[in-house]
N, C-alpha and C. Protein backbone atom coordinates (compact mmCIF):
# COMPACT_ATOMS: atom_id res chain seq x y z
N MET A 1 0.85 -1.31 -0.47
CA MET A 1 -0.27 0.05 0.25
C MET A 1 1.34 0.68 0.32
N SER A 2 0.56 1.48 -1.00
CA SER A 2 1.44 2.98 -1.16
C SER A 2 1.22 4.01 0.00
N PRO A 3 1.79 5.22 0.52
CA PRO A 3 1.86 6.22 1.10
C PRO A 3 0.81 7.07 1.44
N LEU A 4 0.50 7.45 -0.22
CA LEU A 4 -0.62 8.51 -0.82
C LEU A 4 -1.66 7.61 0.11
N THR A 5 -2.46 6.39 0.03
CA THR A 5 -3.59 6.08 0.08
C THR A 5 -3.83 5.73 0.99
N ARG A 6 -2.70 6.12 2.50
CA ARG A 6 -3.55 5.83 3.64
C ARG A 6 -3.85 7.04 3.91
N ILE A 7 -3.34 8.48 3.49
CA ILE A 7 -3.98 9.86 3.82
C ILE A 7 -4.92 10.48 3.05
N GLY A 8 -6.01 9.22 2.14
CA GLY A 8 -6.63 9.55 1.09
C GLY A 8 -6.53 9.95 -0.16
N LEU A 9 -5.24 10.48 -0.31
CA LEU A 9 -5.07 10.83 -1.83
C LEU A 9 -4.64 9.08 -2.89
N THR A 10 -5.95 9.04 -3.04
CA THR A 10 -5.07 8.16 -3.97
C THR A 10 -5.08 8.66 -5.82
N PRO A 11 -4.42 7.66 -6.41
CA PRO A 11 -3.91 8.15 -8.14
C PRO A 11 -5.03 8.55 -8.79
N ILE A 12 -5.99 9.23 -10.08
CA ILE A 12 -6.74 9.58 -10.36
C ILE A 12 -7.37 7.98 -11.14
N ARG A 13 -6.52 7.33 -11.88
CA ARG A 13 -6.47 6.12 -12.39
C ARG A 13 -7.57 4.89 -11.34
N THR A 14 -6.87 5.06 -10.09
CA THR A 14 -7.61 4.14 -9.30
C THR A 14 -8.64 4.69 -8.44
N GLN A 15 -9.27 6.31 -8.46
CA GLN A 15 -10.71 6.18 -8.35
C GLN A 15 -10.91 6.38 -9.48
N PHE A 16 -10.83 6.22 -10.39
CA PHE A 16 -11.79 5.66 -11.36
C PHE A 16 -12.06 4.32 -11.80
N THR A 17 -10.77 3.88 -11.36
CA THR A 17 -11.31 2.09 -11.20
C THR A 17 -12.22 1.95 -10.60
N ARG A 18 -12.31 2.30 -9.34
CA ARG A 18 -13.25 2.04 -7.57
C ARG A 18 -14.49 2.32 -7.96
N SER A 19 -14.66 3.56 -8.82
CA SER A 19 -16.19 4.09 -8.90
C SER A 19 -17.05 3.49 -10.08
N ALA A 20 -15.87 3.22 -11.25
CA ALA A 20 -16.47 1.96 -11.96
C ALA A 20 -17.01 1.10 -12.06
N LEU A 21 -16.25 0.51 -10.71
CA LEU A 21 -16.45 -1.47 -10.36
C LEU A 21 -17.99 -0.81 -9.37
N LEU A 22 -18.13 0.01 -8.56
CA LEU A 22 -19.18 0.21 -7.54
C LEU A 22 -20.36 0.69 -8.97
N SER A 23 -19.86 2.09 -9.58
CA SER A 23 -21.30 2.29 -10.07
C SER A 23 -22.20 0.47 -11.01
N GLN A 24 -21.11 -0.87 -11.32
CA GLN A 24 -21.20 -1.64 -12.25
C GLN A 24 -21.99 -2.46 -11.23
N ARG A 25 -22.15 -2.46 -9.92
CA ARG A 25 -22.55 -3.21 -8.94
C ARG A 25 -24.34 -2.94 -8.50
N PHE A 26 -23.92 -1.24 -8.78
CA PHE A 26 -24.54 -0.54 -7.87
C PHE A 26 -26.05 -0.54 -9.48
N PHE A 27 -25.99 -0.47 -11.04
CA PHE A 27 -27.09 -0.45 -11.06
C PHE A 27 -27.13 -2.10 -11.90
N GLN A 28 -26.55 -2.99 -11.19
CA GLN A 28 -26.48 -3.91 -11.89
C GLN A 28 -28.15 -5.17 -10.81
N THR A 29 -28.99 -5.76 -11.91
CA THR A 29 -29.87 -6.34 -11.33
C THR A 29 -29.52 -7.87 -11.63
N SER A 30 -29.65 -8.39 -10.03
CA SER A 30 -29.27 -9.80 -9.59
C SER A 30 -29.91 -11.05 -10.73
N SER A 31 -31.56 -10.63 -10.85
CA SER A 31 -32.16 -11.52 -12.13
C SER A 31 -33.19 -11.29 -12.35
N THR A 32 -33.96 -11.37 -13.09
CA THR A 32 -35.26 -10.99 -13.82
C THR A 32 -36.82 -11.10 -12.77
N GLN A 33 -37.58 -10.70 -12.48
CA GLN A 33 -38.48 -10.72 -11.83
C GLN A 33 -39.24 -11.12 -12.81
N ARG A 34 -40.50 -11.97 -12.45
CA ARG A 34 -41.04 -13.25 -13.01
C ARG A 34 -42.84 -12.36 -12.69
N PHE A 35 -43.94 -11.88 -12.90
CA PHE A 35 -45.08 -11.97 -12.74
C PHE A 35 -45.85 -13.29 -12.72
N ASP A 36 -46.63 -13.86 -11.53
CA ASP A 36 -47.67 -14.11 -11.54
C ASP A 36 -48.85 -14.15 -10.66
N ILE A 37 -49.27 -14.80 -11.26
CA ILE A 37 -50.43 -14.45 -10.84
C ILE A 37 -50.66 -15.61 -9.68
N PRO A 38 -51.23 -15.78 -8.34
CA PRO A 38 -51.31 -16.96 -7.43
C PRO A 38 -52.29 -17.92 -7.74
N PHE A 39 -53.34 -16.79 -8.24
CA PHE A 39 -54.47 -17.41 -7.64
C PHE A 39 -55.05 -18.76 -9.34
N LEU A 40 -54.29 -18.38 -10.58
CA LEU A 40 -54.28 -18.81 -11.21
C LEU A 40 -53.43 -20.54 -10.95
N LYS A 41 -53.43 -21.43 -12.09
CA LYS A 41 -53.41 -21.94 -12.32
C LYS A 41 -51.88 -22.09 -12.97
N GLN A 42 -51.23 -22.54 -12.71
CA GLN A 42 -49.57 -22.47 -13.99
C GLN A 42 -49.76 -23.88 -14.62
N ILE A 43 -49.14 -24.14 -15.86
CA ILE A 43 -48.62 -25.20 -17.19
C ILE A 43 -47.11 -25.18 -16.13
N PRO A 44 -46.50 -26.37 -15.77
CA PRO A 44 -45.54 -26.61 -15.66
C PRO A 44 -44.50 -25.72 -16.68
N GLN A 45 -43.44 -25.22 -16.71
CA GLN A 45 -42.57 -24.63 -17.89
C GLN A 45 -41.37 -25.06 -17.16
N PRO A 46 -40.42 -25.35 -19.03
CA PRO A 46 -39.64 -26.66 -18.62
C PRO A 46 -38.29 -25.05 -18.39
N PRO A 47 -37.70 -25.86 -17.88
CA PRO A 47 -35.73 -24.92 -17.51
C PRO A 47 -36.08 -23.58 -18.29
N GLY A 48 -35.33 -22.38 -18.02
CA GLY A 48 -35.44 -21.33 -19.01
C GLY A 48 -36.59 -21.27 -19.97
N TYR A 49 -37.94 -21.73 -19.85
CA TYR A 49 -38.79 -21.50 -20.83
C TYR A 49 -38.24 -22.17 -22.09
N VAL A 50 -37.27 -22.81 -22.80
CA VAL A 50 -36.99 -23.26 -23.55
C VAL A 50 -37.94 -24.48 -24.25
N VAL A 51 -38.45 -24.60 -25.00
CA VAL A 51 -39.30 -25.56 -25.28
C VAL A 51 -38.56 -26.39 -26.57
N GLY A 52 -38.29 -27.51 -26.26
CA GLY A 52 -37.04 -28.47 -27.53
C GLY A 52 -36.06 -28.38 -26.68
N ASN A 53 -35.19 -28.76 -27.79
CA ASN A 53 -33.16 -28.23 -27.86
C ASN A 53 -32.60 -27.81 -29.14
N VAL A 54 -31.56 -27.74 -29.14
CA VAL A 54 -31.25 -26.69 -30.11
C VAL A 54 -31.20 -27.18 -31.11
N ASN A 55 -31.46 -28.80 -31.53
CA ASN A 55 -31.17 -29.21 -32.46
C ASN A 55 -32.82 -29.55 -33.75
N ASP A 56 -33.46 -28.91 -32.70
CA ASP A 56 -34.76 -28.36 -33.00
C ASP A 56 -35.31 -28.03 -34.04
N ALA A 57 -35.55 -27.90 -35.42
CA ALA A 57 -35.91 -27.40 -36.13
C ALA A 57 -36.86 -25.82 -35.73
N TYR A 58 -36.15 -24.89 -36.00
CA TYR A 58 -37.49 -23.70 -35.62
C TYR A 58 -38.67 -23.91 -36.89
N ILE A 59 -39.63 -23.38 -36.55
CA ILE A 59 -40.56 -23.13 -37.45
C ILE A 59 -40.98 -21.99 -37.31
N PRO A 60 -40.87 -20.84 -38.13
CA PRO A 60 -41.48 -19.90 -37.89
C PRO A 60 -42.82 -19.58 -38.02
N PRO A 61 -43.04 -18.37 -37.42
CA PRO A 61 -44.85 -18.30 -37.52
C PRO A 61 -45.18 -17.75 -39.10
N HIS A 62 -45.96 -17.59 -39.48
CA HIS A 62 -46.61 -17.35 -40.39
C HIS A 62 -46.14 -16.19 -40.93
N ALA A 63 -45.86 -15.65 -42.07
CA ALA A 63 -45.46 -13.71 -42.43
C ALA A 63 -46.46 -13.68 -43.17
N SER A 64 -46.63 -11.96 -42.55
CA SER A 64 -47.75 -11.47 -42.39
C SER A 64 -47.26 -9.63 -42.45
N LYS A 65 -47.53 -9.34 -43.54
CA LYS A 65 -46.47 -7.97 -43.46
C LYS A 65 -47.82 -7.01 -42.78
N THR A 66 -48.95 -7.32 -42.55
CA THR A 66 -50.25 -6.41 -42.21
C THR A 66 -50.85 -6.52 -40.99
N HIS A 67 -50.37 -7.74 -40.25
CA HIS A 67 -51.13 -8.31 -39.01
C HIS A 67 -50.46 -7.20 -37.67
N GLY A 68 -49.64 -7.13 -37.57
CA GLY A 68 -48.92 -6.00 -36.94
C GLY A 68 -48.87 -4.73 -37.49
N SER A 69 -49.10 -4.35 -38.21
CA SER A 69 -49.16 -3.06 -37.81
C SER A 69 -50.40 -2.35 -38.57
N LEU A 70 -51.22 -3.72 -38.55
CA LEU A 70 -52.40 -2.82 -38.73
C LEU A 70 -52.66 -3.11 -37.31
N HIS A 71 -52.16 -3.53 -36.77
CA HIS A 71 -52.89 -3.50 -35.07
C HIS A 71 -52.21 -2.08 -34.28
N TRP A 72 -51.05 -2.23 -34.90
CA TRP A 72 -50.71 -1.21 -33.95
C TRP A 72 -51.34 0.47 -34.40
N THR A 73 -51.80 0.81 -36.17
CA THR A 73 -52.24 1.23 -36.62
C THR A 73 -53.70 2.18 -35.76
N THR A 74 -54.26 0.85 -36.06
CA THR A 74 -55.31 0.77 -35.17
C THR A 74 -55.46 1.39 -33.80
N GLU A 75 -54.66 0.87 -32.70
CA GLU A 75 -54.53 1.30 -32.32
C GLU A 75 -54.12 2.70 -31.81
N ARG A 76 -53.21 3.45 -32.61
CA ARG A 76 -52.85 4.44 -32.49
C ARG A 76 -54.15 5.72 -32.92
N LEU A 77 -54.50 5.86 -34.89
CA LEU A 77 -55.71 5.74 -34.80
C LEU A 77 -56.49 6.30 -33.45
N ILE A 78 -57.62 4.93 -32.83
CA ILE A 78 -58.08 5.35 -31.76
C ILE A 78 -57.23 6.35 -30.73
N ALA A 79 -56.32 5.99 -30.34
CA ALA A 79 -56.16 6.75 -29.14
C ALA A 79 -55.95 8.46 -29.58
N ILE A 80 -55.63 8.70 -31.11
CA ILE A 80 -55.25 10.37 -31.30
C ILE A 80 -57.01 10.53 -31.60
N GLY A 81 -57.24 9.88 -31.77
CA GLY A 81 -58.85 9.88 -32.46
C GLY A 81 -59.65 10.72 -31.21
N LEU A 82 -59.42 9.99 -29.84
CA LEU A 82 -59.63 10.41 -28.46
C LEU A 82 -59.73 11.91 -28.60
N VAL A 83 -58.71 12.03 -28.26
CA VAL A 83 -57.80 13.93 -28.22
C VAL A 83 -59.17 14.95 -29.20
N PRO A 84 -59.49 14.67 -30.12
CA PRO A 84 -60.30 15.55 -30.26
C PRO A 84 -62.08 15.25 -29.91
N LEU A 85 -62.12 14.36 -29.53
CA LEU A 85 -63.25 13.52 -29.56
C LEU A 85 -63.78 14.04 -27.90
N THR A 86 -62.74 14.04 -27.37
CA THR A 86 -62.73 14.48 -25.68
C THR A 86 -62.64 15.72 -25.63
N VAL A 87 -62.06 16.66 -26.37
CA VAL A 87 -62.10 17.96 -26.02
C VAL A 87 -63.25 19.06 -26.50
N VAL A 88 -63.58 18.43 -28.23
CA VAL A 88 -64.58 19.38 -28.93
C VAL A 88 -65.81 19.67 -27.80
N PRO A 89 -66.47 18.71 -27.32
CA PRO A 89 -67.92 18.60 -27.08
C PRO A 89 -67.70 19.98 -25.62
N PHE A 90 -66.80 19.90 -24.94
CA PHE A 90 -66.76 20.37 -23.54
C PHE A 90 -66.37 22.19 -23.80
N VAL A 91 -65.09 22.12 -25.22
CA VAL A 91 -65.31 23.33 -25.64
C VAL A 91 -66.17 23.88 -26.30
N THR A 92 -66.92 23.70 -26.92
CA THR A 92 -68.40 24.56 -27.46
C THR A 92 -69.13 24.09 -27.04
N GLY A 93 -69.39 23.39 -26.15
CA GLY A 93 -70.73 23.31 -25.03
C GLY A 93 -71.73 22.72 -26.07
N SER A 94 -71.49 21.87 -26.99
CA SER A 94 -72.62 21.76 -27.80
C SER A 94 -72.39 19.89 -27.65
N PHE A 95 -73.41 19.13 -26.70
CA PHE A 95 -73.32 18.21 -27.11
C PHE A 95 -74.29 17.14 -27.84
N ALA A 96 -73.66 16.67 -28.91
CA ALA A 96 -74.38 16.13 -30.38
C ALA A 96 -74.37 15.30 -29.90
N PRO A 97 -75.46 14.52 -30.24
CA PRO A 97 -75.48 12.73 -29.58
C PRO A 97 -75.21 12.32 -30.89
N VAL A 98 -74.25 11.96 -32.07
CA VAL A 98 -74.10 11.24 -32.91
C VAL A 98 -72.48 11.37 -32.29
N LEU A 99 -71.88 12.91 -32.19
CA LEU A 99 -70.56 12.76 -31.68
C LEU A 99 -70.26 12.71 -30.49
N ASP A 100 -71.07 12.33 -29.30
CA ASP A 100 -71.19 11.63 -28.54
C ASP A 100 -70.99 10.24 -28.50
N ALA A 101 -72.21 9.58 -29.01
CA ALA A 101 -72.03 8.52 -29.23
C ALA A 101 -71.18 7.36 -30.12
N VAL A 102 -69.91 8.61 -30.64
CA VAL A 102 -68.87 7.62 -31.69
C VAL A 102 -67.34 8.20 -30.53
N LEU A 103 -67.83 9.42 -29.49
CA LEU A 103 -66.14 9.63 -28.25
C LEU A 103 -66.82 7.91 -27.41
N SER A 104 -68.39 7.38 -27.05
CA SER A 104 -68.38 6.88 -26.24
C SER A 104 -67.55 4.79 -26.61
N VAL A 105 -68.24 5.23 -28.19
CA VAL A 105 -67.76 3.64 -28.75
C VAL A 105 -66.13 3.91 -28.48
N THR A 106 -65.48 5.02 -28.93
CA THR A 106 -64.26 4.74 -29.27
C THR A 106 -63.56 4.87 -27.79
N ILE A 107 -64.29 5.21 -26.56
CA ILE A 107 -63.54 4.76 -25.65
C ILE A 107 -63.20 3.67 -25.35
N LEU A 108 -65.11 2.81 -25.84
CA LEU A 108 -64.38 1.39 -25.23
C LEU A 108 -63.71 0.51 -25.85
N ALA A 109 -63.55 0.75 -27.57
CA ALA A 109 -62.62 0.49 -28.41
C ALA A 109 -61.53 0.50 -27.78
N HIS A 110 -60.90 1.50 -27.14
CA HIS A 110 -59.23 1.94 -26.64
C HIS A 110 -59.36 1.48 -25.06
N SER A 111 -60.64 0.75 -24.43
CA SER A 111 -60.34 0.14 -23.27
C SER A 111 -59.61 -1.12 -23.18
N TRP A 112 -60.88 -1.28 -24.38
CA TRP A 112 -60.70 -3.05 -24.61
C TRP A 112 -58.95 -3.63 -25.24
N ILE A 113 -59.27 -2.60 -26.03
CA ILE A 113 -56.95 -2.94 -26.58
C ILE A 113 -56.40 -3.06 -25.84
N GLY A 114 -56.59 -1.95 -24.63
CA GLY A 114 -56.07 -1.90 -23.63
C GLY A 114 -55.54 -2.89 -22.80
N PHE A 115 -56.90 -3.60 -22.29
CA PHE A 115 -56.93 -4.30 -21.49
C PHE A 115 -56.50 -5.79 -21.98
N GLN A 116 -57.44 -5.95 -23.49
CA GLN A 116 -56.65 -7.06 -23.86
C GLN A 116 -54.98 -7.35 -24.37
N ALA A 117 -54.21 -5.95 -24.40
CA ALA A 117 -52.90 -6.15 -24.45
C ALA A 117 -52.35 -6.75 -22.76
N CYS A 118 -53.03 -5.94 -21.97
CA CYS A 118 -52.93 -6.46 -20.69
C CYS A 118 -53.08 -8.28 -20.39
N ILE A 119 -54.11 -8.56 -20.91
CA ILE A 119 -54.44 -10.08 -20.88
C ILE A 119 -53.05 -10.98 -21.36
N ILE A 120 -52.93 -10.14 -22.96
CA ILE A 120 -51.78 -10.78 -23.67
C ILE A 120 -50.38 -10.87 -22.85
N ASP A 121 -50.56 -10.35 -22.34
CA ASP A 121 -49.08 -9.75 -21.94
C ASP A 121 -48.89 -10.56 -20.58
N TYR A 122 -49.97 -10.72 -19.52
CA TYR A 122 -49.74 -10.72 -18.15
C TYR A 122 -49.89 -12.21 -18.35
N VAL A 123 -51.18 -12.85 -18.74
CA VAL A 123 -51.65 -13.94 -18.45
C VAL A 123 -51.26 -14.60 -20.11
N GLN A 124 -50.48 -14.99 -20.09
CA GLN A 124 -49.86 -15.83 -21.10
C GLN A 124 -50.43 -17.63 -21.26
N LYS A 125 -50.77 -17.47 -22.40
CA LYS A 125 -51.35 -19.22 -22.69
C LYS A 125 -50.89 -19.77 -22.66
N ARG A 126 -49.35 -20.27 -22.98
CA ARG A 126 -48.39 -21.44 -22.48
C ARG A 126 -48.27 -21.57 -20.67
N VAL A 127 -48.54 -20.31 -20.13
CA VAL A 127 -48.30 -20.58 -18.87
C VAL A 127 -49.55 -20.48 -18.03
N TYR A 128 -50.77 -20.09 -18.50
CA TYR A 128 -51.93 -20.45 -17.89
C TYR A 128 -52.98 -21.20 -18.62
N GLY A 129 -52.64 -21.45 -19.72
CA GLY A 129 -54.11 -22.37 -20.48
C GLY A 129 -55.56 -21.68 -20.78
N SER A 130 -55.75 -22.36 -20.13
CA SER A 130 -57.32 -22.03 -20.80
C SER A 130 -57.92 -20.85 -19.68
N ALA A 131 -57.09 -20.55 -18.66
CA ALA A 131 -57.17 -19.56 -18.18
C ALA A 131 -56.89 -17.73 -19.08
N HIS A 132 -56.47 -18.46 -19.52
CA HIS A 132 -55.99 -16.85 -20.57
C HIS A 132 -57.25 -17.02 -21.73
N ASP A 133 -57.22 -17.61 -22.33
CA ASP A 133 -58.82 -17.79 -23.37
C ASP A 133 -59.73 -17.28 -22.29
N TYR A 134 -60.41 -17.46 -20.61
CA TYR A 134 -61.81 -17.70 -20.31
C TYR A 134 -61.23 -15.77 -19.81
N ALA A 135 -60.03 -15.35 -19.68
CA ALA A 135 -59.73 -13.76 -19.58
C ALA A 135 -60.39 -13.15 -20.77
N ILE A 136 -60.28 -13.66 -21.97
CA ILE A 136 -60.53 -13.02 -23.46
C ILE A 136 -61.70 -13.00 -23.43
N TYR A 137 -62.79 -14.12 -23.03
CA TYR A 137 -63.96 -14.15 -23.16
C TYR A 137 -64.34 -13.68 -22.23
N LEU A 138 -64.42 -13.26 -21.15
CA LEU A 138 -64.47 -12.19 -19.74
C LEU A 138 -64.24 -10.70 -20.41
N LEU A 139 -63.69 -10.57 -20.74
CA LEU A 139 -63.55 -8.98 -21.52
C LEU A 139 -64.39 -9.10 -22.50
N SER A 140 -64.39 -9.93 -23.69
CA SER A 140 -65.12 -9.51 -24.77
C SER A 140 -66.95 -9.88 -23.85
N PHE A 141 -66.80 -10.31 -23.09
CA PHE A 141 -68.55 -10.48 -22.65
C PHE A 141 -68.38 -8.82 -21.86
N GLY A 142 -67.49 -8.47 -21.35
CA GLY A 142 -68.06 -7.18 -20.47
C GLY A 142 -67.96 -6.30 -21.61
N THR A 143 -67.16 -5.77 -22.26
CA THR A 143 -67.47 -5.12 -23.88
C THR A 143 -68.75 -5.34 -24.13
N VAL A 144 -68.89 -6.21 -24.59
CA VAL A 144 -70.56 -6.26 -24.75
C VAL A 144 -71.58 -5.71 -23.79
N ILE A 145 -71.12 -5.87 -22.59
CA ILE A 145 -72.15 -5.48 -21.50
C ILE A 145 -71.98 -3.93 -21.76
N ALA A 146 -70.63 -3.33 -21.35
CA ALA A 146 -70.77 -1.67 -22.04
C ALA A 146 -71.20 -1.76 -22.95
N GLY A 147 -71.20 -1.71 -24.07
CA GLY A 147 -72.00 -1.41 -25.10
C GLY A 147 -73.18 -0.84 -25.01
N LEU A 148 -73.85 -2.11 -24.46
CA LEU A 148 -75.34 -2.47 -24.39
C LEU A 148 -75.54 -1.20 -23.49
N GLY A 149 -74.73 -1.06 -21.97
CA GLY A 149 -75.16 0.47 -21.15
C GLY A 149 -74.70 1.31 -21.93
N ILE A 150 -73.79 1.66 -23.07
CA ILE A 150 -73.16 2.76 -23.57
C ILE A 150 -74.85 3.14 -25.00
N TYR A 151 -75.39 2.16 -24.99
CA TYR A 151 -76.62 2.48 -26.31
C TYR A 151 -77.63 2.91 -25.13
N ASN A 152 -77.43 2.04 -24.05
CA ASN A 152 -78.77 2.73 -23.31
C ASN A 152 -79.01 4.08 -23.07
N LEU A 153 -77.59 4.66 -22.29
CA LEU A 153 -77.30 5.93 -21.63
C LEU A 153 -77.42 7.00 -22.80
N GLU A 154 -77.44 6.28 -24.41
CA GLU A 154 -77.29 6.98 -25.64
C GLU A 154 -78.55 7.43 -26.07
N ALA A 155 -79.12 6.54 -26.15
CA ALA A 155 -80.98 6.61 -26.69
C ALA A 155 -82.01 6.64 -25.78
N ASN A 156 -81.67 6.48 -24.07
CA ASN A 156 -82.71 6.76 -23.25
C ASN A 156 -82.29 8.02 -22.66
N ASP A 157 -81.00 8.23 -22.42
CA ASP A 157 -80.68 9.49 -21.50
C ASP A 157 -80.02 10.54 -22.08
N VAL A 158 -79.19 11.27 -21.33
CA VAL A 158 -78.38 12.71 -22.20
C VAL A 158 -77.29 11.82 -22.46
N GLY A 159 -76.60 10.79 -22.50
CA GLY A 159 -75.30 10.59 -23.38
C GLY A 159 -73.94 10.39 -22.85
N LEU A 160 -72.78 11.00 -22.75
CA LEU A 160 -72.20 9.82 -22.12
C LEU A 160 -71.50 11.58 -21.36
N THR A 161 -71.61 12.50 -22.11
CA THR A 161 -70.80 14.50 -21.86
C THR A 161 -72.15 15.01 -20.89
N GLY A 162 -73.12 14.40 -21.53
CA GLY A 162 -74.33 15.08 -20.62
C GLY A 162 -74.48 14.66 -19.00
N LEU A 163 -73.54 13.27 -18.88
CA LEU A 163 -74.09 12.56 -17.55
C LEU A 163 -72.64 13.46 -17.19
N ILE A 164 -71.59 13.33 -17.70
CA ILE A 164 -70.38 14.57 -17.59
C ILE A 164 -70.81 15.68 -16.78
N ALA A 165 -71.12 16.73 -17.69
CA ALA A 165 -71.53 17.82 -17.36
C ALA A 165 -72.86 17.25 -16.06
N LYS A 166 -73.15 16.79 -16.40
CA LYS A 166 -74.57 16.83 -15.20
C LYS A 166 -73.65 16.23 -13.85
N VAL A 167 -72.82 15.41 -13.81
CA VAL A 167 -71.96 15.15 -12.93
C VAL A 167 -71.34 16.67 -12.05
N ALA A 168 -70.22 16.71 -13.08
CA ALA A 168 -69.75 18.70 -12.51
C ALA A 168 -70.42 19.65 -12.41
N SER A 169 -71.97 19.79 -12.86
CA SER A 169 -72.76 20.73 -12.31
C SER A 169 -73.14 20.40 -10.98
N ALA A 170 -73.26 19.12 -10.89
CA ALA A 170 -73.95 18.65 -8.79
C ALA A 170 -73.15 19.13 -7.98
N LYS A 171 -71.64 18.65 -8.23
CA LYS A 171 -70.04 18.71 -7.81
C LYS A 171 -70.70 20.60 -7.48
N LYS A 172 -70.25 21.15 -8.10
CA LYS A 172 -70.41 22.17 -7.89
C LYS A 172 -71.15 23.07 -7.19
N GLU A 173 -72.72 22.62 -7.19
CA GLU A 173 -74.03 22.96 -6.47
C GLU A 173 -73.89 22.15 -5.16
N GLU A 174 -73.13 21.09 -5.13
CA GLU A 174 -72.86 20.56 -3.84
C GLU A 174 -71.74 21.37 -2.16
N SER A 175 -70.89 21.93 -3.74
CA SER A 175 -69.55 22.58 -3.24
C SER A 175 -70.18 23.86 -2.07
N LYS A 176 -71.23 25.05 -2.82
CA LYS A 176 -71.63 25.95 -2.27
C LYS A 176 -72.45 25.90 -0.95
């Protein structure tokens, strides 16, 4: 040990390598975290989630140029379309029934796409088996019920934007 290190004066090179080692250890993660749903029965997975071995032939999925891009484009168009559909009724003050119905259906479609993506990501078919299918069926059933509720709200009541305006005005009156 050199006399410089005893009094706290270390060469620049030693300080740099020591800080580099500390930063590597500080930012390193020890293992990846898995998301498990404790109440769903899981299908036992092979070690490392690798099915087969390295000598098995790889069978690629059917190539489709439009499958992924069509989903992505549809999701983005719905998300971008929600901005003017949400802002226009409240800025202009007019609650047109057709615009209100389009807003309600677009919100429902946006929600369905988002929940479907969550189910696909976190309730994988290879891990949870039929629970994945049941989750998709339950999502579709809930979407149909919500669609019927939207229809009832639009046909027999004031509509979504009218309902939001009623709730907002009721809160203002309540706070007075």
